Amino acid sequence: MRVVLAEDLFLLRDGLVRMLEAFDFEILAAVESGPELSRALAELEPDVAIVDVRLPPSHTDEGLQCALAARRARPGLPVLVLSQHVEQLYARELLADGTGGVGYLLKDRVFDAAQFVDAVRRVAGGGTAMDPQVIQQLLSRKARDEPLGRLTPRELEVMELMAQGRSNAAIAERLVVTERAIAKHTSNIFAKLGLPVSDDDNRRVLAVLAYLDRG
């Protein structure tokens, strides 16, 4: 799998390169600034871009904006964004086109190699990988919403894992229950939230995230 990586901190960038190569990813470019990222994405056409939100020269959201511009030029380009802090606006921008192949992780997640590599592969495959802290903040903000208030504690737990991009099978394994039980929970969640039922993992993730982020 071919990767373009953008991270301005040398030690983190070098560590990510070594980690990804250990899992058989091919690093096409590892850059440290917005202009370098734009060129690499345009010229190299990677399978996935892993991008720090804040890059030189502006150190604001230049990495995210470069990635979004490349995604507009090449619709569906998988982009996994890394951030130091939870910024719901960044997550919203990333999800704005309503398609998959996107992820938003806090940098702390990269220290768990298996979790990070799983997120990269999920995004590269057209899926969605959202940081649990982003989901928790969205859930907290919507806690008084009447439909959300009708969910049971187990359904809330299932919805949080669903919004992270996990399949029914992965959720069942995590919660140590049957896949059939998770299917029942997800059906109840969609019914209570008034969302269209879908068997497509990514579509249902986007539906849940859109619900959590509205208002």
Protein backbone atom coordinates (compact mmCIF):
# COMPACT_ATOMS: atom_id res chain seq x y z
CA MET A 1 0.00 0.00 0.00
CA ARG A 2 1.44 3.35 -1.10
CA VAL A 3 1.52 6.21 1.45
CA VAL A 4 2.26 9.92 1.47
CA LEU A 5 3.00 11.13 5.00
CA ALA A 6 3.07 14.74 6.20
CA GLU A 7 4.35 15.56 9.70
CA ASP A 8 6.57 18.49 10.64
CA LEU A 9 8.13 16.93 13.76
CA PHE A 10 11.14 14.94 12.57
CA LEU A 11 11.15 12.32 15.33
CA LEU A 12 7.44 11.55 14.92
CA ARG A 13 7.71 11.54 11.13
CA ASP A 14 10.68 9.19 11.21
CA GLY A 15 8.95 6.94 13.74
CA LEU A 16 5.80 6.74 11.60
CA VAL A 17 7.85 5.88 8.52
CA ARG A 18 9.62 3.05 10.36
CA MET A 19 6.37 1.74 11.82
CA LEU A 20 4.51 1.75 8.51
CA GLU A 21 7.40 0.13 6.66
CA ALA A 22 7.45 -2.62 9.30
CA PHE A 23 3.85 -3.38 8.30
CA ASP A 24 4.73 -3.50 4.58
CA PHE A 25 3.51 -0.03 3.60
CA GLU A 26 5.47 1.73 0.85
CA ILE A 27 6.31 5.32 1.81
CA LEU A 28 6.25 7.36 -1.40
CA ALA A 29 7.10 10.61 0.41
CA ALA A 30 7.50 11.83 3.98
CA VAL A 31 7.24 15.63 3.98
CA GLU A 32 7.15 18.40 6.57
CA SER A 33 5.24 21.33 4.99
CA GLY A 34 2.01 22.18 3.21
CA PRO A 35 3.56 23.00 -0.19
CA GLU A 36 5.55 19.74 -0.15
CA LEU A 37 2.39 17.82 0.72
CA SER A 38 0.40 19.39 -2.12
CA ARG A 39 3.11 18.48 -4.63
CA ALA A 40 3.45 14.92 -3.34
CA LEU A 41 -0.30 14.27 -3.45
CA ALA A 42 -0.60 15.69 -6.97
CA GLU A 43 2.42 13.91 -8.42
CA LEU A 44 2.53 10.56 -6.63
CA GLU A 45 -1.16 9.57 -6.35
CA PRO A 46 -0.86 7.50 -3.14
CA ASP A 47 -3.33 4.90 -1.92
CA VAL A 48 -3.68 6.89 1.32
CA ALA A 49 -2.45 10.19 2.75
CA ILE A 50 -1.57 10.48 6.46
CA VAL A 51 -1.54 14.15 7.32
CA ASP A 52 -0.81 16.28 10.38
CA VAL A 53 -3.46 19.03 10.61
CA ARG A 54 -0.95 21.77 11.43
CA LEU A 55 1.94 22.15 8.99
CA PRO A 56 4.36 24.93 8.05
CA PRO A 57 4.34 27.61 6.92
CA SER A 58 1.06 28.68 8.57
CA HIS A 59 0.95 26.12 11.42
CA THR A 60 -2.86 26.45 11.48
CA ASP A 61 -4.84 23.87 9.52
CA GLU A 62 -2.66 23.85 6.42
CA GLY A 63 -2.22 20.07 6.35
CA LEU A 64 -5.96 19.48 6.48
CA GLN A 65 -6.67 22.05 3.77
CA CYS A 66 -4.00 20.59 1.47
CA ALA A 67 -5.49 17.14 1.92
CA LEU A 68 -9.03 18.37 1.27
CA ALA A 69 -7.90 20.19 -1.88
CA ALA A 70 -6.22 17.00 -3.12
CA ARG A 71 -9.40 15.07 -2.30
CA ARG A 72 -11.46 17.50 -4.37
CA ALA A 73 -9.02 17.09 -7.26
CA ARG A 74 -9.08 13.32 -6.86
CA PRO A 75 -12.47 12.38 -5.36
CA GLY A 76 -12.26 9.52 -2.89
CA LEU A 77 -8.56 9.98 -2.09
CA PRO A 78 -8.25 8.29 1.34
CA VAL A 79 -7.08 10.77 3.99
CA LEU A 80 -6.22 10.04 7.61
CA VAL A 81 -5.73 13.24 9.60
CA LEU A 82 -3.64 13.39 12.78
CA SER A 83 -4.19 16.10 15.39
CA GLN A 84 -2.79 16.96 18.80
CA HIS A 85 -6.22 17.90 20.17
CA VAL A 86 -9.87 17.18 19.46
CA GLU A 87 -11.18 19.79 17.01
CA GLN A 88 -14.74 18.98 15.95
CA LEU A 89 -14.52 21.52 13.11
CA TYR A 90 -11.73 19.49 11.50
CA ALA A 91 -13.78 16.31 11.74
CA ARG A 92 -16.77 18.13 10.23
CA GLU A 93 -14.72 19.41 7.28
CA LEU A 94 -13.31 15.97 6.67
CA LEU A 95 -16.77 14.38 6.58
CA ALA A 96 -18.44 17.17 4.63
CA ASP A 97 -18.62 15.37 1.27
CA GLY A 98 -20.45 12.42 2.82
CA THR A 99 -18.14 9.76 1.43
CA GLY A 100 -15.73 7.36 3.04
CA GLY A 101 -11.98 7.00 2.99
CA VAL A 102 -11.52 9.47 5.85
CA GLY A 103 -10.13 9.29 9.36
CA TYR A 104 -9.40 11.62 12.26
CA LEU A 105 -7.09 10.40 15.03
CA LEU A 106 -5.35 12.03 17.95
CA LYS A 107 -1.58 11.63 17.79
CA ASP A 108 -1.65 9.59 21.00
CA ARG A 109 -3.18 6.75 18.94
CA VAL A 110 -0.05 6.29 16.84
CA PHE A 111 1.78 4.78 19.82
CA ASP A 112 -0.49 1.74 19.59
CA ALA A 113 0.89 0.27 16.37
CA ALA A 114 -1.87 -2.28 15.82
CA GLN A 115 -4.64 0.27 16.38
CA PHE A 116 -2.98 2.86 14.16
CA VAL A 117 -2.24 0.46 11.30
CA ASP A 118 -5.80 -0.86 11.49
CA ALA A 119 -7.09 2.71 11.10
CA VAL A 120 -4.79 3.37 8.12
CA ARG A 121 -5.94 0.21 6.37
CA ARG A 122 -9.59 0.92 7.11
CA VAL A 123 -9.35 4.42 5.63
CA ALA A 124 -7.33 3.22 2.63
CA GLY A 125 -10.08 0.67 1.98
CA GLY A 126 -12.70 3.42 1.79
CA GLY A 127 -13.85 3.16 5.40
CA THR A 128 -14.02 5.65 8.24
CA ALA A 129 -11.84 5.82 11.38
CA MET A 130 -12.84 8.45 13.92
CA ASP A 131 -11.04 8.97 17.22
CA PRO A 132 -13.04 7.76 20.25
CA GLN A 133 -12.54 11.15 21.95
CA VAL A 134 -14.19 12.94 19.02
CA ILE A 135 -17.16 10.58 19.27
CA GLN A 136 -17.37 11.05 23.04
CA GLN A 137 -17.45 14.82 22.67
CA LEU A 138 -20.20 14.63 20.05
CA LEU A 139 -22.18 12.25 22.25
CA SER A 140 -21.74 14.55 25.23
CA ARG A 141 -22.94 17.56 23.26
CA LYS A 142 -26.03 15.64 22.14
CA ALA A 143 -26.71 14.03 25.52
CA ARG A 144 -29.95 15.95 26.08
CA ASP A 145 -31.31 15.23 22.63
CA GLU A 146 -34.58 13.28 23.03
CA PRO A 147 -33.89 10.46 20.48
CA LEU A 148 -30.38 9.94 21.87
CA GLY A 149 -31.84 9.86 25.35
CA ARG A 150 -33.98 6.88 24.36
CA LEU A 151 -30.93 4.72 23.67
CA THR A 152 -29.97 2.18 26.31
CA PRO A 153 -26.44 2.26 27.81
CA ARG A 154 -25.51 -0.76 25.66
CA GLU A 155 -26.89 0.91 22.51
CA LEU A 156 -24.84 4.03 23.26
CA GLU A 157 -21.76 1.84 23.63
CA VAL A 158 -22.50 0.11 20.32
CA MET A 159 -23.11 3.47 18.58
CA GLU A 160 -19.78 4.83 19.81
CA LEU A 161 -17.94 1.81 18.39
CA MET A 162 -19.97 1.99 15.17
CA ALA A 163 -19.03 5.66 14.74
CA GLN A 164 -15.35 4.73 15.07
CA GLY A 165 -15.78 2.67 11.90
CA ARG A 166 -16.07 -0.83 13.37
CA SER A 167 -18.14 -3.54 11.71
CA ASN A 168 -20.77 -5.58 13.57
CA ALA A 169 -18.30 -8.46 13.82
CA ALA A 170 -15.60 -6.21 15.31
CA ILE A 171 -18.06 -4.67 17.78
CA ALA A 172 -19.27 -8.13 18.83
CA GLU A 173 -15.68 -9.23 19.44
CA ARG A 174 -14.93 -6.08 21.44
CA LEU A 175 -18.03 -6.43 23.63
CA VAL A 176 -17.81 -10.24 23.86
CA VAL A 177 -21.33 -10.83 22.53
CA THR A 178 -22.76 -12.45 19.40
CA GLU A 179 -22.83 -10.66 16.06
CA ARG A 180 -26.59 -11.29 16.01
CA ALA A 181 -26.96 -9.32 19.25
CA ILE A 182 -25.03 -6.40 17.74
CA ALA A 183 -27.20 -6.49 14.62
CA LYS A 184 -30.27 -6.14 16.85
CA HIS A 185 -28.70 -3.22 18.73
CA THR A 186 -27.76 -1.39 15.52
CA SER A 187 -31.25 -1.89 14.14
CA ASN A 188 -32.72 -0.38 17.31
CA ILE A 189 -30.26 2.53 17.16
CA PHE A 190 -31.19 3.44 13.59
CA ALA A 191 -34.91 3.15 14.37
CA LYS A 192 -34.70 5.37 17.47
CA LEU A 193 -32.59 8.00 15.68
CA GLY A 194 -34.76 7.97 12.57
CA LEU A 195 -31.83 7.05 10.31
CA PRO A 196 -32.08 4.86 7.20
CA VAL A 197 -30.99 1.29 7.81
CA SER A 198 -27.95 0.22 5.78
CA ASP A 199 -25.83 -2.91 5.53
CA ASP A 200 -22.90 -0.86 4.27
CA ASP A 201 -20.53 -0.28 7.21
CA ASN A 202 -19.24 3.05 5.98
CA ARG A 203 -22.66 4.46 5.08
CA ARG A 204 -24.00 3.72 8.55
CA VAL A 205 -20.93 5.30 10.17
CA LEU A 206 -21.46 8.48 8.16
CA ALA A 207 -25.17 8.49 9.05
CA VAL A 208 -24.42 8.24 12.78
CA LEU A 209 -21.72 10.93 12.59
CA ALA A 210 -24.04 13.24 10.64
CA TYR A 211 -26.68 12.77 13.32
CA LEU A 212 -24.25 13.46 16.16
CA ASP A 213 -22.81 16.53 14.46
CA ARG A 214 -26.06 18.25 13.49
CA GLY A 215 -27.55 21.13 15.39
